[in-house]
Amino acid sequence: MEDMVELEQKDRERTALFEEATRIVKGADAQSRVLSAQEDARVLELMASVRRLEEEIGHLKRHSRK
């Protein structure tokens, strides 16, 4: 049960981080401009966190079945 709570929490966090990265990219696109260096760095940071959380979620899913 505790694993399911942690899984849901990590999934919500992953979704929020991905949505933030998407907003940054879409915002620049809507203004017909490329990302600033600061925006680009933030998107890369967010996506690295998304990937880390996806790995953790996968790990939790594999081990919760056992």
N, C-alpha and C. Protein backbone atom coordinates (compact mmCIF):
# COMPACT_ATOMS: atom_id res chain seq x y z
N MET A 1 0.82 -1.20 0.00
CA MET A 1 0.00 0.00 0.00
C MET A 1 0.86 1.26 0.00
N GLU A 2 1.90 1.25 0.80
CA GLU A 2 2.81 2.39 0.87
C GLU A 2 3.47 2.65 -0.49
N ASP A 3 3.80 1.55 -1.20
CA ASP A 3 4.38 1.68 -2.54
C ASP A 3 3.42 2.37 -3.49
N MET A 4 2.13 2.09 -3.37
CA MET A 4 1.15 2.71 -4.26
C MET A 4 1.05 4.21 -4.01
N VAL A 5 1.12 4.62 -2.75
CA VAL A 5 1.09 6.04 -2.41
C VAL A 5 2.32 6.72 -2.99
N GLU A 6 3.47 6.11 -2.81
CA GLU A 6 4.72 6.66 -3.34
C GLU A 6 4.67 6.71 -4.87
N LEU A 7 4.15 5.69 -5.48
CA LEU A 7 4.02 5.63 -6.94
C LEU A 7 3.13 6.76 -7.44
N GLU A 8 2.01 6.97 -6.81
CA GLU A 8 1.09 8.04 -7.21
C GLU A 8 1.74 9.41 -7.02
N GLN A 9 2.46 9.58 -5.92
CA GLN A 9 3.14 10.85 -5.66
C GLN A 9 4.19 11.13 -6.73
N LYS A 10 4.99 10.13 -7.05
CA LYS A 10 6.02 10.30 -8.07
C LYS A 10 5.40 10.56 -9.44
N ASP A 11 4.30 9.92 -9.73
CA ASP A 11 3.63 10.12 -11.01
C ASP A 11 3.09 11.55 -11.11
N ARG A 12 2.50 12.05 -10.03
CA ARG A 12 2.01 13.44 -10.04
C ARG A 12 3.16 14.42 -10.20
N GLU A 13 4.26 14.17 -9.52
CA GLU A 13 5.42 15.04 -9.63
C GLU A 13 5.98 15.03 -11.05
N ARG A 14 6.08 13.83 -11.63
CA ARG A 14 6.58 13.70 -13.00
C ARG A 14 5.69 14.48 -13.97
N THR A 15 4.39 14.35 -13.79
CA THR A 15 3.44 15.05 -14.66
C THR A 15 3.59 16.56 -14.52
N ALA A 16 3.72 17.05 -13.31
CA ALA A 16 3.86 18.49 -13.08
C ALA A 16 5.15 19.02 -13.71
N LEU A 17 6.24 18.30 -13.56
CA LEU A 17 7.51 18.74 -14.14
C LEU A 17 7.44 18.74 -15.67
N PHE A 18 6.84 17.71 -16.24
CA PHE A 18 6.70 17.64 -17.69
C PHE A 18 5.82 18.79 -18.19
N GLU A 19 4.74 19.08 -17.48
CA GLU A 19 3.86 20.18 -17.88
C GLU A 19 4.58 21.52 -17.81
N GLU A 20 5.42 21.71 -16.80
CA GLU A 20 6.19 22.96 -16.71
C GLU A 20 7.13 23.09 -17.90
N ALA A 21 7.83 22.02 -18.24
CA ALA A 21 8.74 22.05 -19.39
C ALA A 21 7.96 22.35 -20.67
N THR A 22 6.80 21.74 -20.81
CA THR A 22 5.97 21.96 -22.00
C THR A 22 5.50 23.41 -22.08
N ARG A 23 5.12 23.99 -20.95
CA ARG A 23 4.68 25.40 -20.93
C ARG A 23 5.80 26.32 -21.38
N ILE A 24 7.01 26.05 -20.94
CA ILE A 24 8.15 26.89 -21.31
C ILE A 24 8.37 26.84 -22.82
N VAL A 25 8.39 25.64 -23.36
CA VAL A 25 8.62 25.47 -24.80
C VAL A 25 7.48 26.08 -25.61
N LYS A 26 6.24 25.81 -25.22
CA LYS A 26 5.10 26.35 -25.95
C LYS A 26 5.03 27.88 -25.85
N GLY A 27 5.44 28.41 -24.70
CA GLY A 27 5.46 29.87 -24.53
C GLY A 27 6.41 30.54 -25.52
N ALA A 28 7.59 29.98 -25.65
CA ALA A 28 8.55 30.53 -26.61
C ALA A 28 8.03 30.35 -28.02
N ASP A 29 7.47 29.20 -28.30
CA ASP A 29 6.93 28.92 -29.64
C ASP A 29 5.80 29.89 -29.99
N ALA A 30 4.94 30.17 -29.02
CA ALA A 30 3.82 31.09 -29.25
C ALA A 30 4.32 32.50 -29.57
N GLN A 31 5.51 32.82 -29.09
CA GLN A 31 6.10 34.13 -29.34
C GLN A 31 7.04 34.08 -30.56
N SER A 32 7.05 32.94 -31.23
CA SER A 32 7.89 32.73 -32.43
C SER A 32 9.36 33.05 -32.14
N ARG A 33 9.83 32.50 -31.05
CA ARG A 33 11.23 32.70 -30.70
C ARG A 33 11.83 31.41 -30.17
N VAL A 34 13.15 31.35 -30.16
CA VAL A 34 13.83 30.19 -29.58
C VAL A 34 13.91 30.40 -28.07
N LEU A 35 14.15 29.31 -27.37
CA LEU A 35 14.30 29.39 -25.92
C LEU A 35 15.53 30.22 -25.57
N SER A 36 15.43 30.98 -24.51
CA SER A 36 16.61 31.67 -24.00
C SER A 36 17.52 30.62 -23.36
N ALA A 37 18.75 30.99 -23.09
CA ALA A 37 19.69 30.06 -22.46
C ALA A 37 19.14 29.61 -21.10
N GLN A 38 18.54 30.52 -20.37
CA GLN A 38 17.98 30.19 -19.06
C GLN A 38 16.80 29.23 -19.20
N GLU A 39 15.93 29.49 -20.17
CA GLU A 39 14.79 28.60 -20.40
C GLU A 39 15.26 27.22 -20.84
N ASP A 40 16.22 27.20 -21.73
CA ASP A 40 16.74 25.92 -22.22
C ASP A 40 17.33 25.10 -21.08
N ALA A 41 18.10 25.76 -20.22
CA ALA A 41 18.70 25.07 -19.07
C ALA A 41 17.60 24.53 -18.15
N ARG A 42 16.55 25.30 -17.94
CA ARG A 42 15.45 24.87 -17.07
C ARG A 42 14.73 23.67 -17.67
N VAL A 43 14.47 23.71 -18.99
CA VAL A 43 13.80 22.59 -19.64
C VAL A 43 14.66 21.34 -19.52
N LEU A 44 15.96 21.46 -19.74
CA LEU A 44 16.85 20.30 -19.61
C LEU A 44 16.84 19.75 -18.20
N GLU A 45 16.85 20.64 -17.22
CA GLU A 45 16.79 20.23 -15.81
C GLU A 45 15.48 19.50 -15.51
N LEU A 46 14.39 20.07 -15.98
CA LEU A 46 13.07 19.46 -15.76
C LEU A 46 12.99 18.08 -16.40
N MET A 47 13.47 17.96 -17.63
CA MET A 47 13.39 16.68 -18.34
C MET A 47 14.30 15.63 -17.70
N ALA A 48 15.42 16.05 -17.16
CA ALA A 48 16.28 15.10 -16.44
C ALA A 48 15.54 14.57 -15.21
N SER A 49 14.82 15.44 -14.54
CA SER A 49 14.03 15.02 -13.38
C SER A 49 12.89 14.10 -13.80
N VAL A 50 12.28 14.40 -14.93
CA VAL A 50 11.20 13.55 -15.46
C VAL A 50 11.75 12.15 -15.73
N ARG A 51 12.90 12.07 -16.38
CA ARG A 51 13.50 10.76 -16.68
C ARG A 51 13.85 10.00 -15.40
N ARG A 52 14.39 10.71 -14.42
CA ARG A 52 14.72 10.07 -13.14
C ARG A 52 13.47 9.51 -12.47
N LEU A 53 12.42 10.30 -12.47
CA LEU A 53 11.17 9.85 -11.86
C LEU A 53 10.57 8.67 -12.63
N GLU A 54 10.68 8.69 -13.96
CA GLU A 54 10.18 7.57 -14.75
C GLU A 54 10.91 6.27 -14.38
N GLU A 55 12.23 6.38 -14.17
CA GLU A 55 12.99 5.20 -13.74
C GLU A 55 12.53 4.72 -12.38
N GLU A 56 12.33 5.66 -11.45
CA GLU A 56 11.88 5.30 -10.11
C GLU A 56 10.48 4.68 -10.16
N ILE A 57 9.61 5.22 -10.98
CA ILE A 57 8.25 4.69 -11.13
C ILE A 57 8.32 3.27 -11.68
N GLY A 58 9.14 3.07 -12.70
CA GLY A 58 9.30 1.73 -13.27
C GLY A 58 9.81 0.75 -12.24
N HIS A 59 10.77 1.18 -11.44
CA HIS A 59 11.32 0.33 -10.38
C HIS A 59 10.23 -0.05 -9.37
N LEU A 60 9.46 0.95 -8.95
CA LEU A 60 8.39 0.69 -7.98
C LEU A 60 7.35 -0.27 -8.56
N LYS A 61 7.01 -0.08 -9.83
CA LYS A 61 6.01 -0.95 -10.46
C LYS A 61 6.52 -2.40 -10.53
N ARG A 62 7.79 -2.55 -10.91
CA ARG A 62 8.35 -3.92 -11.00
C ARG A 62 8.38 -4.59 -9.65
N HIS A 63 8.75 -3.86 -8.61
CA HIS A 63 8.91 -4.47 -7.28
C HIS A 63 7.62 -4.56 -6.49
N SER A 64 6.60 -3.82 -6.90
CA SER A 64 5.33 -3.93 -6.19
C SER A 64 4.55 -5.18 -6.62
N ARG A 65 4.93 -5.74 -7.75
CA ARG A 65 4.26 -6.96 -8.25
C ARG A 65 4.74 -8.20 -7.55
N LYS A 66 5.88 -8.13 -6.90
CA LYS A 66 6.47 -9.31 -6.27
C LYS A 66 5.89 -9.58 -4.91
